[in-house]
């Protein structure tokens, strides 16, 4: 038997919707609605690149130089983004996750994150996927089952698509009033209003050649309490990614910096985040988990938005 690069695969179905989840990272590898791709994922025969569909635990985005101080102790994480000399997207992306429940339209996965360089705690992590008639819901829960209070954040990294060859002609709506400018290492340097900038996507705007890789916050929420990023075509094809109030931040990534030229700008990275980039140092949005304490956050995709 030949193993797949992303491990075993689990399929969820609901009507014409089909979701495929990979064992590695419990990642959202594929999502289709009928003949239409909803996310810009990756083939089962290939390794995930660009963090496509990965869940990010116990921090999303970057930690500057992989360094932070907690409880008076200076800590050094492995530098998983050599180009910026930083630590990116957490510690569970490449782990094997155990399926603990699987039905026709739902599945749950579990992974225990143990101590490793720069990380001195133990988290019991669970990701629940479920399909309903309106789309996909993803719930991420982490429980501190070790000793001592730990820093925590989570995020996810799907790329939305509406079937265009590139995202350039697509219309995007991002409900954020504030964005976080970054330095050449991708670390926030402050806060700025989107008003009058190329980052202002509060009303549907053609992406064109805009290059975006920043975090949005101060999110406007709909009547159901969810904030939604929408991607659509002028012909009426549309998809939305929503977040509950556990996610105050959204990273928008047009994919220009991806190492594979053929995968640049083929999908719009929409990354729910419970905290800002570099939160282990800045504290912005950072969650602290005491022993025995849990945190849950929920996001989802609506393919018929």
C-alpha atoms as a PDB file:
ATOM      1  CA  UNK A   1       0.000   0.000   0.000  1.00  0.00           C
ATOM      2  CA  UNK A   2       1.342   3.428  -0.983  1.00  0.00           C
ATOM      3  CA  UNK A   3       0.790   6.216   1.494  1.00  0.00           C
ATOM      4  CA  UNK A   4      -0.560   9.556   0.305  1.00  0.00           C
ATOM      5  CA  UNK A   5       1.538  12.675   1.046  1.00  0.00           C
ATOM      6  CA  UNK A   6      -1.220  14.052   3.300  1.00  0.00           C
ATOM      7  CA  UNK A   7      -2.177  10.695   4.803  1.00  0.00           C
ATOM      8  CA  UNK A   8      -5.599   9.105   4.926  1.00  0.00           C
ATOM      9  CA  UNK A   9      -8.549  11.025   3.514  1.00  0.00           C
ATOM     10  CA  UNK A  10     -12.101  11.414   4.797  1.00  0.00           C
ATOM     11  CA  UNK A  11     -15.034  12.494   2.657  1.00  0.00           C
ATOM     12  CA  UNK A  12     -18.140  14.386   3.767  1.00  0.00           C
ATOM     13  CA  UNK A  13     -21.263  14.722   1.590  1.00  0.00           C
ATOM     14  CA  UNK A  14     -24.427  16.768   1.798  1.00  0.00           C
ATOM     15  CA  UNK A  15     -26.502  17.121  -1.351  1.00  0.00           C
ATOM     16  CA  UNK A  16     -24.117  18.285  -4.069  1.00  0.00           C
ATOM     17  CA  UNK A  17     -21.489  19.433  -1.569  1.00  0.00           C
ATOM     18  CA  UNK A  18     -18.375  17.257  -1.148  1.00  0.00           C
ATOM     19  CA  UNK A  19     -15.584  17.964   1.352  1.00  0.00           C
ATOM     20  CA  UNK A  20     -12.314  16.046   1.630  1.00  0.00           C
ATOM     21  CA  UNK A  21     -10.217  16.256   4.792  1.00  0.00           C
ATOM     22  CA  UNK A  22      -6.632  15.060   5.078  1.00  0.00           C
ATOM     23  CA  UNK A  23      -5.100  13.246   8.034  1.00  0.00           C
ATOM     24  CA  UNK A  24      -2.074  15.555   7.996  1.00  0.00           C
ATOM     25  CA  UNK A  25      -3.102  18.654   9.897  1.00  0.00           C
ATOM     26  CA  UNK A  26      -6.764  17.585   9.726  1.00  0.00           C
ATOM     27  CA  UNK A  27      -6.656  19.939   6.762  1.00  0.00           C
ATOM     28  CA  UNK A  28      -9.480  20.996   4.460  1.00  0.00           C
ATOM     29  CA  UNK A  29      -7.991  19.655   1.221  1.00  0.00           C
ATOM     30  CA  UNK A  30     -10.947  19.981  -1.159  1.00  0.00           C
ATOM     31  CA  UNK A  31     -14.468  21.425  -1.215  1.00  0.00           C
ATOM     32  CA  UNK A  32     -16.788  21.307  -4.210  1.00  0.00           C
ATOM     33  CA  UNK A  33     -20.431  22.168  -4.767  1.00  0.00           C
ATOM     34  CA  UNK A  34     -21.596  20.249  -7.794  1.00  0.00           C
ATOM     35  CA  UNK A  35     -19.062  20.849 -10.561  1.00  0.00           C
ATOM     36  CA  UNK A  36     -17.734  24.025  -8.924  1.00  0.00           C
ATOM     37  CA  UNK A  37     -14.649  24.259  -6.732  1.00  0.00           C
ATOM     38  CA  UNK A  38     -15.293  26.283  -3.582  1.00  0.00           C
ATOM     39  CA  UNK A  39     -11.699  26.344  -2.351  1.00  0.00           C
ATOM     40  CA  UNK A  40      -8.388  26.332  -4.160  1.00  0.00           C
ATOM     41  CA  UNK A  41      -7.042  23.212  -2.508  1.00  0.00           C
ATOM     42  CA  UNK A  42      -4.516  20.594  -3.612  1.00  0.00           C
ATOM     43  CA  UNK A  43      -4.572  17.094  -5.187  1.00  0.00           C
ATOM     44  CA  UNK A  44      -4.456  13.996  -3.015  1.00  0.00           C
ATOM     45  CA  UNK A  45      -1.243  13.011  -4.804  1.00  0.00           C
ATOM     46  CA  UNK A  46       0.614  16.133  -3.630  1.00  0.00           C
ATOM     47  CA  UNK A  47       1.844  17.620  -0.366  1.00  0.00           C
ATOM     48  CA  UNK A  48       0.011  20.684   0.883  1.00  0.00           C
ATOM     49  CA  UNK A  49       1.708  23.941  -0.105  1.00  0.00           C
ATOM     50  CA  UNK A  50       0.957  27.502   0.927  1.00  0.00           C
ATOM     51  CA  UNK A  51      -0.774  26.169   4.085  1.00  0.00           C
ATOM     52  CA  UNK A  52      -3.843  25.418   1.921  1.00  0.00           C
ATOM     53  CA  UNK A  53      -6.679  24.407   4.240  1.00  0.00           C
ATOM     54  CA  UNK A  54      -4.453  23.982   7.280  1.00  0.00           C
ATOM     55  CA  UNK A  55      -5.589  24.742  10.817  1.00  0.00           C
ATOM     56  CA  UNK A  56      -3.127  26.844  12.802  1.00  0.00           C
ATOM     57  CA  UNK A  57      -2.570  25.939  16.470  1.00  0.00           C
ATOM     58  CA  UNK A  58      -1.396  27.299  18.960  1.00  0.00           C
ATOM     59  CA  UNK A  59      -0.842  30.520  17.014  1.00  0.00           C
ATOM     60  CA  UNK A  60      -1.770  31.776  13.550  1.00  0.00           C
ATOM     61  CA  UNK A  61       0.470  33.808  11.287  1.00  0.00           C
ATOM     62  CA  UNK A  62       3.955  34.728  12.549  1.00  0.00           C
ATOM     63  CA  UNK A  63       6.023  35.096  15.704  1.00  0.00           C
ATOM     64  CA  UNK A  64       8.925  37.483  15.204  1.00  0.00           C
ATOM     65  CA  UNK A  65      12.253  35.637  15.188  1.00  0.00           C
ATOM     66  CA  UNK A  66      10.393  32.716  16.800  1.00  0.00           C
ATOM     67  CA  UNK A  67      11.064  34.348  20.172  1.00  0.00           C
ATOM     68  CA  UNK A  68       8.760  35.311  23.013  1.00  0.00           C
ATOM     69  CA  UNK A  69       8.817  35.569  26.799  1.00  0.00           C
ATOM     70  CA  UNK A  70       6.256  33.832  29.005  1.00  0.00           C
ATOM     71  CA  UNK A  71       6.212  33.641  32.800  1.00  0.00           C
ATOM     72  CA  UNK A  72       9.554  35.401  32.808  1.00  0.00           C
ATOM     73  CA  UNK A  73      11.185  32.728  30.639  1.00  0.00           C
ATOM     74  CA  UNK A  74      12.659  33.560  27.220  1.00  0.00           C
ATOM     75  CA  UNK A  75      11.604  30.958  24.682  1.00  0.00           C
ATOM     76  CA  UNK A  76      12.828  30.080  21.185  1.00  0.00           C
ATOM     77  CA  UNK A  77      10.668  28.239  18.663  1.00  0.00           C
ATOM     78  CA  UNK A  78      11.995  26.489  15.572  1.00  0.00           C
ATOM     79  CA  UNK A  79      12.255  28.925  12.656  1.00  0.00           C
ATOM     80  CA  UNK A  80       9.730  27.468  10.239  1.00  0.00           C
ATOM     81  CA  UNK A  81       9.827  30.425   7.832  1.00  0.00           C
ATOM     82  CA  UNK A  82      13.532  30.806   7.003  1.00  0.00           C
ATOM     83  CA  UNK A  83      12.960  33.702   4.608  1.00  0.00           C
ATOM     84  CA  UNK A  84      11.782  35.906   7.483  1.00  0.00           C
ATOM     85  CA  UNK A  85      13.697  34.121  10.262  1.00  0.00           C
ATOM     86  CA  UNK A  86      10.324  33.594  11.936  1.00  0.00           C
ATOM     87  CA  UNK A  87       7.996  30.912  13.256  1.00  0.00           C
ATOM     88  CA  UNK A  88       4.813  30.618  11.233  1.00  0.00           C
ATOM     89  CA  UNK A  89       1.353  29.037  11.599  1.00  0.00           C
ATOM     90  CA  UNK A  90       1.726  27.038  14.790  1.00  0.00           C
ATOM     91  CA  UNK A  91       2.844  23.514  15.613  1.00  0.00           C
ATOM     92  CA  UNK A  92       0.119  21.111  14.433  1.00  0.00           C
ATOM     93  CA  UNK A  93       0.010  21.662  10.651  1.00  0.00           C
ATOM     94  CA  UNK A  94       2.151  18.650   9.782  1.00  0.00           C
ATOM     95  CA  UNK A  95       0.978  16.358  12.559  1.00  0.00           C
ATOM     96  CA  UNK A  96      -1.105  13.231  12.050  1.00  0.00           C
ATOM     97  CA  UNK A  97      -4.598  13.795  13.460  1.00  0.00           C
ATOM     98  CA  UNK A  98      -6.771  10.932  14.674  1.00  0.00           C
ATOM     99  CA  UNK A  99     -10.339  10.707  13.436  1.00  0.00           C
ATOM    100  CA  UNK A 100     -12.630  10.250  16.453  1.00  0.00           C
ATOM    101  CA  UNK A 101     -15.991  10.472  14.698  1.00  0.00           C
ATOM    102  CA  UNK A 102     -17.086  10.239  11.072  1.00  0.00           C
ATOM    103  CA  UNK A 103     -20.516  10.270   9.479  1.00  0.00           C
ATOM    104  CA  UNK A 104     -21.869  11.078   6.027  1.00  0.00           C
ATOM    105  CA  UNK A 105     -21.801  14.851   6.600  1.00  0.00           C
ATOM    106  CA  UNK A 106     -19.522  15.315   9.612  1.00  0.00           C
ATOM    107  CA  UNK A 107     -16.160  14.324  11.055  1.00  0.00           C
ATOM    108  CA  UNK A 108     -14.112  15.124  14.147  1.00  0.00           C
ATOM    109  CA  UNK A 109     -10.353  14.937  14.590  1.00  0.00           C
ATOM    110  CA  UNK A 110      -8.093  14.996  17.652  1.00  0.00           C
ATOM    111  CA  UNK A 111      -4.423  15.687  18.239  1.00  0.00           C
ATOM    112  CA  UNK A 112      -2.442  16.053  21.468  1.00  0.00           C
ATOM    113  CA  UNK A 113       0.174  18.772  21.186  1.00  0.00           C
ATOM    114  CA  UNK A 114       2.993  17.884  23.578  1.00  0.00           C
ATOM    115  CA  UNK A 115       6.042  19.846  24.667  1.00  0.00           C
ATOM    116  CA  UNK A 116       8.509  20.753  21.933  1.00  0.00           C
ATOM    117  CA  UNK A 117      11.223  23.393  21.469  1.00  0.00           C
ATOM    118  CA  UNK A 118       9.841  26.734  22.611  1.00  0.00           C
ATOM    119  CA  UNK A 119       6.520  25.224  23.771  1.00  0.00           C
ATOM    120  CA  UNK A 120       6.215  23.901  27.353  1.00  0.00           C
ATOM    121  CA  UNK A 121       2.539  22.895  27.606  1.00  0.00           C
ATOM    122  CA  UNK A 122       0.152  20.154  26.522  1.00  0.00           C
ATOM    123  CA  UNK A 123      -2.994  20.899  24.516  1.00  0.00           C
ATOM    124  CA  UNK A 124      -5.807  18.503  23.664  1.00  0.00           C
ATOM    125  CA  UNK A 125      -6.888  19.791  20.242  1.00  0.00           C
ATOM    126  CA  UNK A 126     -10.100  18.940  18.383  1.00  0.00           C
ATOM    127  CA  UNK A 127     -11.464  20.054  15.010  1.00  0.00           C
ATOM    128  CA  UNK A 128     -15.096  19.367  14.108  1.00  0.00           C
ATOM    129  CA  UNK A 129     -16.252  19.597  10.490  1.00  0.00           C
ATOM    130  CA  UNK A 130     -19.927  19.484   9.544  1.00  0.00           C
ATOM    131  CA  UNK A 131     -21.952  20.154   6.405  1.00  0.00           C
ATOM    132  CA  UNK A 132     -25.492  21.495   6.320  1.00  0.00           C
ATOM    133  CA  UNK A 133     -27.650  22.775   3.483  1.00  0.00           C
ATOM    134  CA  UNK A 134     -25.991  26.209   3.558  1.00  0.00           C
ATOM    135  CA  UNK A 135     -22.371  25.113   3.750  1.00  0.00           C
ATOM    136  CA  UNK A 136     -19.487  23.964   5.921  1.00  0.00           C
ATOM    137  CA  UNK A 137     -18.913  24.705   9.611  1.00  0.00           C
ATOM    138  CA  UNK A 138     -15.515  24.227  11.281  1.00  0.00           C
ATOM    139  CA  UNK A 139     -15.151  24.341  15.064  1.00  0.00           C
ATOM    140  CA  UNK A 140     -11.696  24.336  16.690  1.00  0.00           C
ATOM    141  CA  UNK A 141     -11.346  23.553  20.398  1.00  0.00           C
ATOM    142  CA  UNK A 142      -8.195  23.397  22.516  1.00  0.00           C
ATOM    143  CA  UNK A 143      -7.992  22.346  26.159  1.00  0.00           C
ATOM    144  CA  UNK A 144      -4.940  22.898  28.344  1.00  0.00           C
ATOM    145  CA  UNK A 145      -4.351  19.470  29.890  1.00  0.00           C
ATOM    146  CA  UNK A 146      -0.872  20.247  31.148  1.00  0.00           C
ATOM    147  CA  UNK A 147       0.566  22.301  33.969  1.00  0.00           C
ATOM    148  CA  UNK A 148       0.770  26.068  33.944  1.00  0.00           C
ATOM    149  CA  UNK A 149      -1.068  28.751  32.022  1.00  0.00           C
ATOM    150  CA  UNK A 150      -0.170  28.932  28.344  1.00  0.00           C
ATOM    151  CA  UNK A 151      -0.499  31.485  25.518  1.00  0.00           C
ATOM    152  CA  UNK A 152      -2.904  30.466  22.778  1.00  0.00           C
ATOM    153  CA  UNK A 153      -4.332  31.475  19.444  1.00  0.00           C
ATOM    154  CA  UNK A 154      -5.778  29.651  16.492  1.00  0.00           C
ATOM    155  CA  UNK A 155      -6.545  30.234  12.853  1.00  0.00           C
ATOM    156  CA  UNK A 156      -7.243  28.561   9.531  1.00  0.00           C
ATOM    157  CA  UNK A 157      -5.896  28.987   5.998  1.00  0.00           C
ATOM    158  CA  UNK A 158      -8.362  28.182   3.192  1.00  0.00           C
ATOM    159  CA  UNK A 159      -8.181  29.833  -0.223  1.00  0.00           C
ATOM    160  CA  UNK A 160     -11.528  30.759  -1.775  1.00  0.00           C
ATOM    161  CA  UNK A 161     -12.234  30.500  -5.495  1.00  0.00           C
ATOM    162  CA  UNK A 162     -15.122  31.383  -7.783  1.00  0.00           C
ATOM    163  CA  UNK A 163     -13.685  29.508 -10.741  1.00  0.00           C
ATOM    164  CA  UNK A 164     -11.702  32.303 -12.376  1.00  0.00           C
ATOM    165  CA  UNK A 165      -8.213  31.458 -13.644  1.00  0.00           C
ATOM    166  CA  UNK A 166      -6.810  34.092 -11.316  1.00  0.00           C
ATOM    167  CA  UNK A 167      -8.513  36.183  -8.648  1.00  0.00           C
ATOM    168  CA  UNK A 168      -7.852  39.398 -10.597  1.00  0.00           C
ATOM    169  CA  UNK A 169     -11.346  39.753 -12.142  1.00  0.00           C
ATOM    170  CA  UNK A 170     -13.144  38.596  -8.978  1.00  0.00           C
ATOM    171  CA  UNK A 171     -15.004  40.999  -6.709  1.00  0.00           C
ATOM    172  CA  UNK A 172     -14.031  40.882  -3.021  1.00  0.00           C
ATOM    173  CA  UNK A 173     -15.751  42.248   0.056  1.00  0.00           C
ATOM    174  CA  UNK A 174     -13.814  42.376   3.340  1.00  0.00           C
ATOM    175  CA  UNK A 175     -15.733  43.861   6.309  1.00  0.00           C
ATOM    176  CA  UNK A 176     -12.744  45.382   8.113  1.00  0.00           C
ATOM    177  CA  UNK A 177     -12.313  49.084   8.945  1.00  0.00           C
ATOM    178  CA  UNK A 178      -8.727  48.705  10.193  1.00  0.00           C
ATOM    179  CA  UNK A 179      -5.700  46.937   8.739  1.00  0.00           C
ATOM    180  CA  UNK A 180      -2.325  46.213  10.330  1.00  0.00           C
ATOM    181  CA  UNK A 181       0.631  47.456   8.249  1.00  0.00           C
ATOM    182  CA  UNK A 182       3.631  45.129   8.400  1.00  0.00           C
ATOM    183  CA  UNK A 183       7.398  45.317   8.091  1.00  0.00           C
ATOM    184  CA  UNK A 184       9.499  43.278   5.669  1.00  0.00           C
ATOM    185  CA  UNK A 185       9.205  40.276   8.006  1.00  0.00           C
ATOM    186  CA  UNK A 186       5.400  40.328   7.984  1.00  0.00           C
ATOM    187  CA  UNK A 187       5.194  41.677  11.552  1.00  0.00           C
ATOM    188  CA  UNK A 188       2.584  44.387  12.305  1.00  0.00           C
ATOM    189  CA  UNK A 189       3.918  47.875  12.903  1.00  0.00           C
ATOM    190  CA  UNK A 190       0.681  49.587  13.928  1.00  0.00           C
ATOM    191  CA  UNK A 191      -2.958  50.088  12.969  1.00  0.00           C
ATOM    192  CA  UNK A 192      -4.385  52.135  10.132  1.00  0.00           C
ATOM    193  CA  UNK A 193      -7.814  52.837   8.694  1.00  0.00           C
ATOM    194  CA  UNK A 194      -8.512  51.277   5.305  1.00  0.00           C
ATOM    195  CA  UNK A 195     -10.135  54.533   4.171  1.00  0.00           C
ATOM    196  CA  UNK A 196      -8.409  55.823   1.046  1.00  0.00           C
ATOM    197  CA  UNK A 197      -6.081  52.817   0.681  1.00  0.00           C
ATOM    198  CA  UNK A 198      -5.953  49.844  -1.683  1.00  0.00           C
ATOM    199  CA  UNK A 199      -6.979  47.717   1.300  1.00  0.00           C
ATOM    200  CA  UNK A 200     -10.461  49.247   1.432  1.00  0.00           C
ATOM    201  CA  UNK A 201     -12.711  46.375   0.343  1.00  0.00           C
ATOM    202  CA  UNK A 202     -15.710  47.234   2.510  1.00  0.00           C
ATOM    203  CA  UNK A 203     -17.847  47.281  -0.620  1.00  0.00           C
ATOM    204  CA  UNK A 204     -17.475  44.771  -3.445  1.00  0.00           C
ATOM    205  CA  UNK A 205     -14.393  45.746  -5.460  1.00  0.00           C
ATOM    206  CA  UNK A 206     -12.484  44.082  -8.252  1.00  0.00           C
ATOM    207  CA  UNK A 207      -9.201  42.747  -6.907  1.00  0.00           C
ATOM    208  CA  UNK A 208      -7.311  43.554 -10.092  1.00  0.00           C
ATOM    209  CA  UNK A 209      -3.576  43.549  -9.440  1.00  0.00           C
ATOM    210  CA  UNK A 210      -3.758  44.517  -5.745  1.00  0.00           C
ATOM    211  CA  UNK A 211      -1.164  42.665  -3.687  1.00  0.00           C
ATOM    212  CA  UNK A 212      -2.543  42.060  -0.217  1.00  0.00           C
ATOM    213  CA  UNK A 213      -1.066  40.163   2.721  1.00  0.00           C
ATOM    214  CA  UNK A 214      -2.334  41.993   5.797  1.00  0.00           C
ATOM    215  CA  UNK A 215      -4.638  41.514   8.743  1.00  0.00           C
ATOM    216  CA  UNK A 216      -8.018  43.229   8.964  1.00  0.00           C
ATOM    217  CA  UNK A 217      -9.849  43.942  12.218  1.00  0.00           C
ATOM    218  CA  UNK A 218     -12.659  46.094  13.615  1.00  0.00           C
ATOM    219  CA  UNK A 219     -14.935  43.781  11.641  1.00  0.00           C
ATOM    220  CA  UNK A 220     -18.496  44.698  10.732  1.00  0.00           C
ATOM    221  CA  UNK A 221     -20.829  41.827  11.537  1.00  0.00           C
ATOM    222  CA  UNK A 222     -24.133  40.813  10.002  1.00  0.00           C
ATOM    223  CA  UNK A 223     -27.375  40.430  11.940  1.00  0.00           C
ATOM    224  CA  UNK A 224     -26.444  36.853  12.894  1.00  0.00           C
ATOM    225  CA  UNK A 225     -23.233  38.062  14.570  1.00  0.00           C
ATOM    226  CA  UNK A 226     -20.979  36.691  11.859  1.00  0.00           C
ATOM    227  CA  UNK A 227     -18.469  38.677   9.825  1.00  0.00           C
ATOM    228  CA  UNK A 228     -18.275  37.586   6.184  1.00  0.00           C
ATOM    229  CA  UNK A 229     -15.681  37.887   3.446  1.00  0.00           C
ATOM    230  CA  UNK A 230     -17.290  37.462   0.031  1.00  0.00           C
ATOM    231  CA  UNK A 231     -15.746  36.593  -3.303  1.00  0.00           C
ATOM    232  CA  UNK A 232     -17.881  36.761  -6.448  1.00  0.00           C
ATOM    233  CA  UNK A 233     -17.934  37.155 -10.212  1.00  0.00           C
ATOM    234  CA  UNK A 234     -19.902  39.663 -12.232  1.00  0.00           C
ATOM    235  CA  UNK A 235     -21.851  36.679 -13.586  1.00  0.00           C
ATOM    236  CA  UNK A 236     -23.212  35.910 -10.105  1.00  0.00           C
ATOM    237  CA  UNK A 237     -21.028  33.059  -8.827  1.00  0.00           C
ATOM    238  CA  UNK A 238     -20.306  33.757  -5.164  1.00  0.00           C
ATOM    239  CA  UNK A 239     -18.812  32.256  -2.016  1.00  0.00           C
ATOM    240  CA  UNK A 240     -18.457  33.589   1.527  1.00  0.00           C
ATOM    241  CA  UNK A 241     -16.289  32.735   4.510  1.00  0.00           C
ATOM    242  CA  UNK A 242     -17.790  33.665   7.882  1.00  0.00           C
ATOM    243  CA  UNK A 243     -16.368  33.863  11.389  1.00  0.00           C
ATOM    244  CA  UNK A 244     -18.018  33.981  14.793  1.00  0.00           C
ATOM    245  CA  UNK A 245     -17.020  36.529  17.443  1.00  0.00           C
ATOM    246  CA  UNK A 246     -14.120  34.358  18.628  1.00  0.00           C
ATOM    247  CA  UNK A 247     -12.323  35.544  15.488  1.00  0.00           C
ATOM    248  CA  UNK A 248     -11.742  39.339  15.628  1.00  0.00           C
ATOM    249  CA  UNK A 249      -9.063  39.210  12.901  1.00  0.00           C
ATOM    250  CA  UNK A 250      -8.952  38.148   9.242  1.00  0.00           C
ATOM    251  CA  UNK A 251      -5.786  37.858   7.193  1.00  0.00           C
ATOM    252  CA  UNK A 252      -6.344  38.436   3.477  1.00  0.00           C
ATOM    253  CA  UNK A 253      -3.674  36.996   1.179  1.00  0.00           C
ATOM    254  CA  UNK A 254      -3.663  37.331  -2.602  1.00  0.00           C
ATOM    255  CA  UNK A 255      -0.920  34.719  -2.902  1.00  0.00           C
ATOM    256  CA  UNK A 256       1.716  36.784  -4.684  1.00  0.00           C
ATOM    257  CA  UNK A 257       4.509  35.521  -2.424  1.00  0.00           C
ATOM    258  CA  UNK A 258       3.803  31.811  -2.877  1.00  0.00           C
ATOM    259  CA  UNK A 259       6.901  29.884  -3.992  1.00  0.00           C
ATOM    260  CA  UNK A 260       5.099  28.086  -6.831  1.00  0.00           C
ATOM    261  CA  UNK A 261       4.490  30.565  -9.680  1.00  0.00           C
ATOM    262  CA  UNK A 262       1.616  28.473 -10.996  1.00  0.00           C
ATOM    263  CA  UNK A 263      -0.287  28.753  -7.706  1.00  0.00           C
ATOM    264  CA  UNK A 264       0.017  32.514  -7.249  1.00  0.00           C
ATOM    265  CA  UNK A 265      -3.278  34.433  -7.262  1.00  0.00           C
ATOM    266  CA  UNK A 266      -5.301  31.305  -8.117  1.00  0.00           C
ATOM    267  CA  UNK A 267      -7.323  31.643  -4.898  1.00  0.00           C
ATOM    268  CA  UNK A 268      -7.896  34.269  -2.224  1.00  0.00           C
ATOM    269  CA  UNK A 269      -6.459  33.316   1.136  1.00  0.00           C
ATOM    270  CA  UNK A 270      -9.011  34.208   3.825  1.00  0.00           C
ATOM    271  CA  UNK A 271      -7.585  33.354   7.235  1.00  0.00           C
ATOM    272  CA  UNK A 272      -9.714  33.549  10.395  1.00  0.00           C
ATOM    273  CA  UNK A 273      -7.500  34.410  13.378  1.00  0.00           C
ATOM    274  CA  UNK A 274      -8.312  34.709  17.076  1.00  0.00           C
ATOM    275  CA  UNK A 275      -5.310  36.994  17.590  1.00  0.00           C
ATOM    276  CA  UNK A 276      -3.100  39.335  15.621  1.00  0.00           C
ATOM    277  CA  UNK A 277       0.201  38.257  14.059  1.00  0.00           C
ATOM    278  CA  UNK A 278       3.034  38.158  16.612  1.00  0.00           C
ATOM    279  CA  UNK A 279       0.500  38.080  19.457  1.00  0.00           C
ATOM    280  CA  UNK A 280       2.851  36.027  21.647  1.00  0.00           C
ATOM    281  CA  UNK A 281       4.906  39.223  21.841  1.00  0.00           C
ATOM    282  CA  UNK A 282       2.389  42.036  21.352  1.00  0.00           C
ATOM    283  CA  UNK A 283      -0.429  40.454  23.350  1.00  0.00           C
ATOM    284  CA  UNK A 284      -2.995  41.712  20.808  1.00  0.00           C
ATOM    285  CA  UNK A 285      -5.919  39.299  20.960  1.00  0.00           C
ATOM    286  CA  UNK A 286      -3.849  36.719  22.826  1.00  0.00           C
ATOM    287  CA  UNK A 287      -5.775  34.083  24.779  1.00  0.00           C
ATOM    288  CA  UNK A 288      -4.426  32.563  27.980  1.00  0.00           C
ATOM    289  CA  UNK A 289      -5.499  29.053  28.917  1.00  0.00           C
ATOM    290  CA  UNK A 290      -5.267  27.935  32.515  1.00  0.00           C
ATOM    291  CA  UNK A 291      -4.906  24.222  33.292  1.00  0.00           C
ATOM    292  CA  UNK A 292      -8.201  22.549  32.478  1.00  0.00           C
ATOM    293  CA  UNK A 293      -9.519  25.547  30.518  1.00  0.00           C
ATOM    294  CA  UNK A 294     -10.827  25.230  26.948  1.00  0.00           C
ATOM    295  CA  UNK A 295     -11.337  27.658  24.096  1.00  0.00           C
ATOM    296  CA  UNK A 296     -13.537  27.172  21.012  1.00  0.00           C
ATOM    297  CA  UNK A 297     -13.854  29.205  17.831  1.00  0.00           C
ATOM    298  CA  UNK A 298     -16.045  28.588  14.773  1.00  0.00           C
ATOM    299  CA  UNK A 299     -15.844  29.607  11.128  1.00  0.00           C
ATOM    300  CA  UNK A 300     -17.447  28.346   7.980  1.00  0.00           C
ATOM    301  CA  UNK A 301     -17.881  28.601   4.222  1.00  0.00           C
ATOM    302  CA  UNK A 302     -21.109  29.295   2.362  1.00  0.00           C
ATOM    303  CA  UNK A 303     -20.764  28.176  -1.273  1.00  0.00           C
ATOM    304  CA  UNK A 304     -24.074  29.736  -2.325  1.00  0.00           C
ATOM    305  CA  UNK A 305     -23.604  33.181  -0.745  1.00  0.00           C
END
